[in-house]
């Protein structure tokens, strides 16, 4: 995937994960970073556990889903480790 694809997928995944996990979020740049790192985490987990060859293969539904699930997991871990409370 090109750098632009990673940023677009990361932005979408980070924004969606921020909405699902409820909370203040990390802002636009923070959401992109969380989404891109979540994409890496989700891609690694998808290829390791589910034997998916190339889970992050461009801007498509599969890539967004993998990055979204990785970003949700990453947000959960970040909030658990930091003790950050959820705003309602």
PDB file of N, CA and C in Angstrom:
ATOM      1  N   UNK A   1       0.842  -1.179   0.000  1.00  0.00           N
ATOM      2  CA  UNK A   1       0.000   0.000   0.000  1.00  0.00           C
ATOM      3  C   UNK A   1       0.885   1.239   0.000  1.00  0.00           C
ATOM      4  N   UNK A   2       0.437   2.252  -0.698  1.00  0.00           N
ATOM      5  CA  UNK A   2       1.197   3.498  -0.719  1.00  0.00           C
ATOM      6  C   UNK A   2       0.957   4.272   0.585  1.00  0.00           C
ATOM      7  N   UNK A   3       1.810   5.248   0.805  1.00  0.00           N
ATOM      8  CA  UNK A   3       1.700   6.054   2.017  1.00  0.00           C
ATOM      9  C   UNK A   3       0.351   6.769   2.080  1.00  0.00           C
ATOM     10  N   UNK A   4      -0.117   7.275   0.958  1.00  0.00           N
ATOM     11  CA  UNK A   4      -1.410   7.955   0.926  1.00  0.00           C
ATOM     12  C   UNK A   4      -2.545   7.000   1.281  1.00  0.00           C
ATOM     13  N   UNK A   5      -2.471   5.767   0.804  1.00  0.00           N
ATOM     14  CA  UNK A   5      -3.494   4.762   1.144  1.00  0.00           C
ATOM     15  C   UNK A   5      -3.496   4.471   2.631  1.00  0.00           C
ATOM     16  N   UNK A   6      -2.298   4.343   3.229  1.00  0.00           N
ATOM     17  CA  UNK A   6      -2.205   4.092   4.666  1.00  0.00           C
ATOM     18  C   UNK A   6      -2.839   5.241   5.453  1.00  0.00           C
ATOM     19  N   UNK A   7      -2.583   6.473   5.012  1.00  0.00           N
ATOM     20  CA  UNK A   7      -3.133   7.630   5.718  1.00  0.00           C
ATOM     21  C   UNK A   7      -4.653   7.669   5.591  1.00  0.00           C
ATOM     22  N   UNK A   8      -5.174   7.420   4.395  1.00  0.00           N
ATOM     23  CA  UNK A   8      -6.631   7.446   4.191  1.00  0.00           C
ATOM     24  C   UNK A   8      -7.302   6.334   4.998  1.00  0.00           C
ATOM     25  N   UNK A   9      -6.781   5.119   4.900  1.00  0.00           N
ATOM     26  CA  UNK A   9      -7.357   3.997   5.662  1.00  0.00           C
ATOM     27  C   UNK A   9      -7.203   4.248   7.155  1.00  0.00           C
ATOM     28  N   UNK A  10      -6.051   4.782   7.572  1.00  0.00           N
ATOM     29  CA  UNK A  10      -5.835   5.097   8.982  1.00  0.00           C
ATOM     30  C   UNK A  10      -6.783   6.156   9.497  1.00  0.00           C
ATOM     31  N   UNK A  11      -7.044   7.168   8.680  1.00  0.00           N
ATOM     32  CA  UNK A  11      -7.981   8.218   9.070  1.00  0.00           C
ATOM     33  C   UNK A  11      -9.381   7.654   9.262  1.00  0.00           C
ATOM     34  N   UNK A  12      -9.824   6.866   8.308  1.00  0.00           N
ATOM     35  CA  UNK A  12     -11.170   6.268   8.396  1.00  0.00           C
ATOM     36  C   UNK A  12     -11.254   5.335   9.598  1.00  0.00           C
ATOM     37  N   UNK A  13     -10.264   4.451   9.734  1.00  0.00           N
ATOM     38  CA  UNK A  13     -10.281   3.474  10.834  1.00  0.00           C
ATOM     39  C   UNK A  13     -10.162   4.154  12.188  1.00  0.00           C
ATOM     40  N   UNK A  14      -9.284   5.138  12.310  1.00  0.00           N
ATOM     41  CA  UNK A  14      -9.120   5.855  13.577  1.00  0.00           C
ATOM     42  C   UNK A  14     -10.365   6.623  13.969  1.00  0.00           C
ATOM     43  N   UNK A  15     -10.999   7.267  12.984  1.00  0.00           N
ATOM     44  CA  UNK A  15     -12.220   8.012  13.264  1.00  0.00           C
ATOM     45  C   UNK A  15     -13.337   7.060  13.703  1.00  0.00           C
ATOM     46  N   UNK A  16     -13.514   5.953  12.965  1.00  0.00           N
ATOM     47  CA  UNK A  16     -14.554   4.976  13.319  1.00  0.00           C
ATOM     48  C   UNK A  16     -14.298   4.372  14.699  1.00  0.00           C
ATOM     49  N   UNK A  17     -13.052   4.029  14.971  1.00  0.00           N
ATOM     50  CA  UNK A  17     -12.720   3.440  16.275  1.00  0.00           C
ATOM     51  C   UNK A  17     -12.977   4.434  17.399  1.00  0.00           C
ATOM     52  N   UNK A  18     -12.666   5.709  17.166  1.00  0.00           N
ATOM     53  CA  UNK A  18     -12.939   6.735  18.169  1.00  0.00           C
ATOM     54  C   UNK A  18     -14.425   6.880  18.445  1.00  0.00           C
ATOM     55  N   UNK A  19     -15.251   6.741  17.415  1.00  0.00           N
ATOM     56  CA  UNK A  19     -16.704   6.828  17.593  1.00  0.00           C
ATOM     57  C   UNK A  19     -17.229   5.605  18.335  1.00  0.00           C
ATOM     58  N   UNK A  20     -16.742   4.428  17.989  1.00  0.00           N
ATOM     59  CA  UNK A  20     -17.224   3.191  18.612  1.00  0.00           C
ATOM     60  C   UNK A  20     -16.776   3.094  20.061  1.00  0.00           C
ATOM     61  N   UNK A  21     -15.550   3.484  20.340  1.00  0.00           N
ATOM     62  CA  UNK A  21     -15.009   3.365  21.693  1.00  0.00           C
ATOM     63  C   UNK A  21     -15.477   4.499  22.605  1.00  0.00           C
ATOM     64  N   UNK A  22     -16.178   5.470  22.081  1.00  0.00           N
ATOM     65  CA  UNK A  22     -16.697   6.612  22.835  1.00  0.00           C
ATOM     66  C   UNK A  22     -15.559   7.287  23.601  1.00  0.00           C
ATOM     67  N   UNK A  23     -15.570   8.550  23.588  1.00  0.00           N
ATOM     68  CA  UNK A  23     -14.539   9.285  24.302  1.00  0.00           C
ATOM     69  C   UNK A  23     -14.140  10.520  23.545  1.00  0.00           C
ATOM     70  N   UNK A  24     -13.222  11.246  24.104  1.00  0.00           N
ATOM     71  CA  UNK A  24     -12.794  12.494  23.513  1.00  0.00           C
ATOM     72  C   UNK A  24     -11.990  12.338  22.245  1.00  0.00           C
ATOM     73  N   UNK A  25     -11.386  11.209  22.021  1.00  0.00           N
ATOM     74  CA  UNK A  25     -10.558  11.020  20.845  1.00  0.00           C
ATOM     75  C   UNK A  25      -9.213  11.684  21.023  1.00  0.00           C
ATOM     76  N   UNK A  26      -8.400  11.650  19.982  1.00  0.00           N
ATOM     77  CA  UNK A  26      -7.058  12.203  20.042  1.00  0.00           C
ATOM     78  C   UNK A  26      -6.868  13.308  19.001  1.00  0.00           C
ATOM     79  N   UNK A  27      -7.930  13.793  18.407  1.00  0.00           N
ATOM     80  CA  UNK A  27      -7.827  14.806  17.374  1.00  0.00           C
ATOM     81  C   UNK A  27      -7.551  14.166  16.024  1.00  0.00           C
ATOM     82  N   UNK A  28      -7.499  14.972  14.989  1.00  0.00           N
ATOM     83  CA  UNK A  28      -7.334  14.459  13.636  1.00  0.00           C
ATOM     84  C   UNK A  28      -6.011  13.713  13.457  1.00  0.00           C
ATOM     85  N   UNK A  29      -4.914  14.327  13.856  1.00  0.00           N
ATOM     86  CA  UNK A  29      -3.602  13.686  13.697  1.00  0.00           C
ATOM     87  C   UNK A  29      -3.507  12.450  14.587  1.00  0.00           C
ATOM     88  N   UNK A  30      -4.005  12.548  15.800  1.00  0.00           N
ATOM     89  CA  UNK A  30      -3.987  11.402  16.713  1.00  0.00           C
ATOM     90  C   UNK A  30      -4.811  10.245  16.183  1.00  0.00           C
ATOM     91  N   UNK A  31      -5.979  10.547  15.603  1.00  0.00           N
ATOM     92  CA  UNK A  31      -6.819   9.495  15.024  1.00  0.00           C
ATOM     93  C   UNK A  31      -6.137   8.823  13.841  1.00  0.00           C
ATOM     94  N   UNK A  32      -5.441   9.627  13.019  1.00  0.00           N
ATOM     95  CA  UNK A  32      -4.708   9.041  11.894  1.00  0.00           C
ATOM     96  C   UNK A  32      -3.612   8.116  12.414  1.00  0.00           C
ATOM     97  N   UNK A  33      -2.879   8.567  13.410  1.00  0.00           N
ATOM     98  CA  UNK A  33      -1.791   7.748  13.964  1.00  0.00           C
ATOM     99  C   UNK A  33      -2.342   6.472  14.578  1.00  0.00           C
ATOM    100  N   UNK A  34      -3.418   6.593  15.365  1.00  0.00           N
ATOM    101  CA  UNK A  34      -4.041   5.412  15.961  1.00  0.00           C
ATOM    102  C   UNK A  34      -4.547   4.469  14.865  1.00  0.00           C
ATOM    103  N   UNK A  35      -5.137   5.020  13.817  1.00  0.00           N
ATOM    104  CA  UNK A  35      -5.636   4.202  12.719  1.00  0.00           C
ATOM    105  C   UNK A  35      -4.529   3.486  11.967  1.00  0.00           C
ATOM    106  N   UNK A  36      -3.423   4.188  11.686  1.00  0.00           N
ATOM    107  CA  UNK A  36      -2.305   3.568  10.964  1.00  0.00           C
ATOM    108  C   UNK A  36      -1.642   2.492  11.817  1.00  0.00           C
ATOM    109  N   UNK A  37      -1.392   2.793  13.086  1.00  0.00           N
ATOM    110  CA  UNK A  37      -0.807   1.783  13.979  1.00  0.00           C
ATOM    111  C   UNK A  37      -1.798   0.642  14.186  1.00  0.00           C
ATOM    112  N   UNK A  38      -3.081   0.974  14.284  1.00  0.00           N
ATOM    113  CA  UNK A  38      -4.116  -0.064  14.383  1.00  0.00           C
ATOM    114  C   UNK A  38      -4.153  -0.927  13.135  1.00  0.00           C
ATOM    115  N   UNK A  39      -3.929  -0.310  11.973  1.00  0.00           N
ATOM    116  CA  UNK A  39      -3.855  -1.075  10.727  1.00  0.00           C
ATOM    117  C   UNK A  39      -2.686  -2.041  10.727  1.00  0.00           C
ATOM    118  N   UNK A  40      -1.550  -1.583  11.220  1.00  0.00           N
ATOM    119  CA  UNK A  40      -0.386  -2.473  11.334  1.00  0.00           C
ATOM    120  C   UNK A  40      -0.677  -3.618  12.301  1.00  0.00           C
ATOM    121  N   UNK A  41      -1.237  -3.275  13.457  1.00  0.00           N
ATOM    122  CA  UNK A  41      -1.578  -4.288  14.452  1.00  0.00           C
ATOM    123  C   UNK A  41      -2.622  -5.249  13.915  1.00  0.00           C
ATOM    124  N   UNK A  42      -3.678  -4.713  13.315  1.00  0.00           N
ATOM    125  CA  UNK A  42      -4.735  -5.558  12.752  1.00  0.00           C
ATOM    126  C   UNK A  42      -4.228  -6.413  11.609  1.00  0.00           C
ATOM    127  N   UNK A  43      -3.369  -5.844  10.752  1.00  0.00           N
ATOM    128  CA  UNK A  43      -2.796  -6.609   9.645  1.00  0.00           C
ATOM    129  C   UNK A  43      -1.928  -7.749  10.134  1.00  0.00           C
ATOM    130  N   UNK A  44      -1.118  -7.485  11.162  1.00  0.00           N
ATOM    131  CA  UNK A  44      -0.277  -8.534  11.730  1.00  0.00           C
ATOM    132  C   UNK A  44      -1.136  -9.643  12.327  1.00  0.00           C
ATOM    133  N   UNK A  45      -2.140  -9.258  13.120  1.00  0.00           N
ATOM    134  CA  UNK A  45      -2.990 -10.260  13.769  1.00  0.00           C
ATOM    135  C   UNK A  45      -3.805 -11.057  12.751  1.00  0.00           C
ATOM    136  N   UNK A  46      -4.307 -10.380  11.712  1.00  0.00           N
ATOM    137  CA  UNK A  46      -5.096 -11.067  10.684  1.00  0.00           C
ATOM    138  C   UNK A  46      -4.237 -12.057   9.905  1.00  0.00           C
ATOM    139  N   UNK A  47      -3.005 -11.671   9.578  1.00  0.00           N
ATOM    140  CA  UNK A  47      -2.156 -12.590   8.828  1.00  0.00           C
ATOM    141  C   UNK A  47      -1.637 -13.721   9.713  1.00  0.00           C
ATOM    142  N   UNK A  48      -1.404 -13.450  10.990  1.00  0.00           N
ATOM    143  CA  UNK A  48      -0.875 -14.473  11.889  1.00  0.00           C
ATOM    144  C   UNK A  48      -1.945 -15.487  12.293  1.00  0.00           C
ATOM    145  N   UNK A  49      -3.103 -14.995  12.736  1.00  0.00           N
ATOM    146  CA  UNK A  49      -4.127 -15.895  13.252  1.00  0.00           C
ATOM    147  C   UNK A  49      -5.057 -16.449  12.182  1.00  0.00           C
ATOM    148  N   UNK A  50      -5.374 -15.647  11.168  1.00  0.00           N
ATOM    149  CA  UNK A  50      -6.350 -16.079  10.171  1.00  0.00           C
ATOM    150  C   UNK A  50      -5.725 -16.412   8.826  1.00  0.00           C
ATOM    151  N   UNK A  51      -4.402 -16.329   8.739  1.00  0.00           N
ATOM    152  CA  UNK A  51      -3.649 -16.688   7.531  1.00  0.00           C
ATOM    153  C   UNK A  51      -4.136 -15.928   6.296  1.00  0.00           C
ATOM    154  N   UNK A  52      -4.484 -14.654   6.480  1.00  0.00           N
ATOM    155  CA  UNK A  52      -4.873 -13.802   5.360  1.00  0.00           C
ATOM    156  C   UNK A  52      -3.577 -13.291   4.740  1.00  0.00           C
ATOM    157  N   UNK A  53      -3.415 -13.498   3.436  1.00  0.00           N
ATOM    158  CA  UNK A  53      -2.169 -13.168   2.766  1.00  0.00           C
ATOM    159  C   UNK A  53      -1.762 -11.708   2.869  1.00  0.00           C
ATOM    160  N   UNK A  54      -2.576 -10.789   2.405  1.00  0.00           N
ATOM    161  CA  UNK A  54      -2.273  -9.362   2.433  1.00  0.00           C
ATOM    162  C   UNK A  54      -3.529  -8.616   2.879  1.00  0.00           C
ATOM    163  N   UNK A  55      -3.761  -8.518   4.205  1.00  0.00           N
ATOM    164  CA  UNK A  55      -5.003  -7.917   4.684  1.00  0.00           C
ATOM    165  C   UNK A  55      -5.094  -6.414   4.436  1.00  0.00           C
ATOM    166  N   UNK A  56      -3.967  -5.749   4.244  1.00  0.00           N
ATOM    167  CA  UNK A  56      -3.957  -4.314   4.002  1.00  0.00           C
ATOM    168  C   UNK A  56      -3.514  -4.071   2.559  1.00  0.00           C
ATOM    169  N   UNK A  57      -4.441  -4.210   1.617  1.00  0.00           N
ATOM    170  CA  UNK A  57      -4.072  -4.201   0.205  1.00  0.00           C
ATOM    171  C   UNK A  57      -4.639  -3.013  -0.564  1.00  0.00           C
ATOM    172  N   UNK A  58      -4.835  -1.895   0.062  1.00  0.00           N
ATOM    173  CA  UNK A  58      -5.359  -0.721  -0.630  1.00  0.00           C
ATOM    174  C   UNK A  58      -6.558  -0.152   0.112  1.00  0.00           C
ATOM    175  N   UNK A  59      -7.200   0.799  -0.510  1.00  0.00           N
ATOM    176  CA  UNK A  59      -8.378   1.407   0.106  1.00  0.00           C
ATOM    177  C   UNK A  59      -9.592   0.582  -0.307  1.00  0.00           C
ATOM    178  N   UNK A  60      -9.943  -0.369   0.523  1.00  0.00           N
ATOM    179  CA  UNK A  60     -11.107  -1.218   0.280  1.00  0.00           C
ATOM    180  C   UNK A  60     -11.720  -1.606   1.618  1.00  0.00           C
ATOM    181  N   UNK A  61     -12.856  -2.267   1.571  1.00  0.00           N
ATOM    182  CA  UNK A  61     -13.586  -2.607   2.792  1.00  0.00           C
ATOM    183  C   UNK A  61     -12.786  -3.525   3.709  1.00  0.00           C
ATOM    184  N   UNK A  62     -12.081  -4.499   3.144  1.00  0.00           N
ATOM    185  CA  UNK A  62     -11.288  -5.436   3.955  1.00  0.00           C
ATOM    186  C   UNK A  62     -10.190  -4.692   4.719  1.00  0.00           C
ATOM    187  N   UNK A  63      -9.480  -3.800   4.039  1.00  0.00           N
ATOM    188  CA  UNK A  63      -8.406  -3.044   4.688  1.00  0.00           C
ATOM    189  C   UNK A  63      -8.952  -2.143   5.789  1.00  0.00           C
ATOM    190  N   UNK A  64     -10.071  -1.487   5.512  1.00  0.00           N
ATOM    191  CA  UNK A  64     -10.672  -0.607   6.513  1.00  0.00           C
ATOM    192  C   UNK A  64     -11.147  -1.414   7.718  1.00  0.00           C
ATOM    193  N   UNK A  65     -11.731  -2.582   7.475  1.00  0.00           N
ATOM    194  CA  UNK A  65     -12.200  -3.434   8.573  1.00  0.00           C
ATOM    195  C   UNK A  65     -11.035  -3.922   9.430  1.00  0.00           C
ATOM    196  N   UNK A  66      -9.967  -4.381   8.798  1.00  0.00           N
ATOM    197  CA  UNK A  66      -8.792  -4.858   9.533  1.00  0.00           C
ATOM    198  C   UNK A  66      -8.177  -3.714  10.340  1.00  0.00           C
ATOM    199  N   UNK A  67      -8.015  -2.535   9.716  1.00  0.00           N
ATOM    200  CA  UNK A  67      -7.452  -1.385  10.414  1.00  0.00           C
ATOM    201  C   UNK A  67      -8.373  -0.921  11.540  1.00  0.00           C
ATOM    202  N   UNK A  68      -9.681  -0.958  11.311  1.00  0.00           N
ATOM    203  CA  UNK A  68     -10.647  -0.566  12.333  1.00  0.00           C
ATOM    204  C   UNK A  68     -10.548  -1.480  13.554  1.00  0.00           C
ATOM    205  N   UNK A  69     -10.527  -2.780  13.330  1.00  0.00           N
ATOM    206  CA  UNK A  69     -10.433  -3.717  14.455  1.00  0.00           C
ATOM    207  C   UNK A  69      -9.111  -3.553  15.199  1.00  0.00           C
ATOM    208  N   UNK A  70      -8.039  -3.332  14.464  1.00  0.00           N
ATOM    209  CA  UNK A  70      -6.751  -3.074  15.109  1.00  0.00           C
ATOM    210  C   UNK A  70      -6.764  -1.775  15.895  1.00  0.00           C
ATOM    211  N   UNK A  71      -7.406  -0.728  15.359  1.00  0.00           N
ATOM    212  CA  UNK A  71      -7.485   0.554  16.050  1.00  0.00           C
ATOM    213  C   UNK A  71      -8.346   0.462  17.308  1.00  0.00           C
ATOM    214  N   UNK A  72      -9.436  -0.300  17.245  1.00  0.00           N
ATOM    215  CA  UNK A  72     -10.271  -0.504  18.436  1.00  0.00           C
ATOM    216  C   UNK A  72      -9.464  -1.215  19.516  1.00  0.00           C
ATOM    217  N   UNK A  73      -8.733  -2.248  19.134  1.00  0.00           N
ATOM    218  CA  UNK A  73      -7.888  -2.966  20.094  1.00  0.00           C
ATOM    219  C   UNK A  73      -6.823  -2.040  20.666  1.00  0.00           C
ATOM    220  N   UNK A  74      -6.211  -1.237  19.813  1.00  0.00           N
ATOM    221  CA  UNK A  74      -5.183  -0.307  20.275  1.00  0.00           C
ATOM    222  C   UNK A  74      -5.766   0.737  21.220  1.00  0.00           C
ATOM    223  N   UNK A  75      -6.923   1.304  20.894  1.00  0.00           N
ATOM    224  CA  UNK A  75      -7.555   2.280  21.789  1.00  0.00           C
ATOM    225  C   UNK A  75      -7.907   1.658  23.131  1.00  0.00           C
ATOM    226  N   UNK A  76      -8.399   0.434  23.093  1.00  0.00           N
ATOM    227  CA  UNK A  76      -8.721  -0.264  24.333  1.00  0.00           C
ATOM    228  C   UNK A  76      -7.472  -0.423  25.194  1.00  0.00           C
ATOM    229  N   UNK A  77      -6.376  -0.847  24.565  1.00  0.00           N
ATOM    230  CA  UNK A  77      -5.126  -1.026  25.312  1.00  0.00           C
ATOM    231  C   UNK A  77      -4.586   0.307  25.834  1.00  0.00           C
ATOM    232  N   UNK A  78      -4.630   1.349  25.015  1.00  0.00           N
ATOM    233  CA  UNK A  78      -4.153   2.664  25.449  1.00  0.00           C
ATOM    234  C   UNK A  78      -4.952   3.200  26.622  1.00  0.00           C
ATOM    235  N   UNK A  79      -6.256   3.061  26.538  1.00  0.00           N
ATOM    236  CA  UNK A  79      -7.100   3.571  27.628  1.00  0.00           C
ATOM    237  C   UNK A  79      -6.972   2.726  28.885  1.00  0.00           C
ATOM    238  N   UNK A  80      -6.762   1.439  28.723  1.00  0.00           N
ATOM    239  CA  UNK A  80      -6.581   0.572  29.885  1.00  0.00           C
ATOM    240  C   UNK A  80      -5.264   0.877  30.589  1.00  0.00           C
ATOM    241  N   UNK A  81      -4.214   1.033  29.812  1.00  0.00           N
ATOM    242  CA  UNK A  81      -2.906   1.294  30.400  1.00  0.00           C
ATOM    243  C   UNK A  81      -2.779   2.689  30.982  1.00  0.00           C
ATOM    244  N   UNK A  82      -3.441   3.667  30.372  1.00  0.00           N
ATOM    245  CA  UNK A  82      -3.325   5.038  30.860  1.00  0.00           C
ATOM    246  C   UNK A  82      -4.319   5.353  31.970  1.00  0.00           C
ATOM    247  N   UNK A  83      -5.334   4.504  32.132  1.00  0.00           N
ATOM    248  CA  UNK A  83      -6.350   4.755  33.139  1.00  0.00           C
ATOM    249  C   UNK A  83      -7.279   5.887  32.764  1.00  0.00           C
ATOM    250  N   UNK A  84      -7.306   6.223  31.488  1.00  0.00           N
ATOM    251  CA  UNK A  84      -8.144   7.319  30.990  1.00  0.00           C
ATOM    252  C   UNK A  84      -9.610   6.928  31.059  1.00  0.00           C
ATOM    253  N   UNK A  85     -10.399   7.805  31.626  1.00  0.00           N
ATOM    254  CA  UNK A  85     -11.830   7.524  31.738  1.00  0.00           C
ATOM    255  C   UNK A  85     -12.559   7.979  30.495  1.00  0.00           C
ATOM    256  N   UNK A  86     -13.667   7.311  30.218  1.00  0.00           N
ATOM    257  CA  UNK A  86     -14.481   7.620  29.051  1.00  0.00           C
ATOM    258  C   UNK A  86     -15.425   8.770  29.399  1.00  0.00           C
ATOM    259  N   UNK A  87     -15.463   9.786  28.508  1.00  0.00           N
ATOM    260  CA  UNK A  87     -16.423  10.885  28.697  1.00  0.00           C
ATOM    261  C   UNK A  87     -17.737  10.496  28.075  1.00  0.00           C
ATOM    262  N   UNK A  88     -18.832  10.839  28.738  1.00  0.00           N
ATOM    263  CA  UNK A  88     -20.159  10.511  28.202  1.00  0.00           C
ATOM    264  C   UNK A  88     -20.909  11.727  27.841  1.00  0.00           C
TER     265      UNK A  88
END
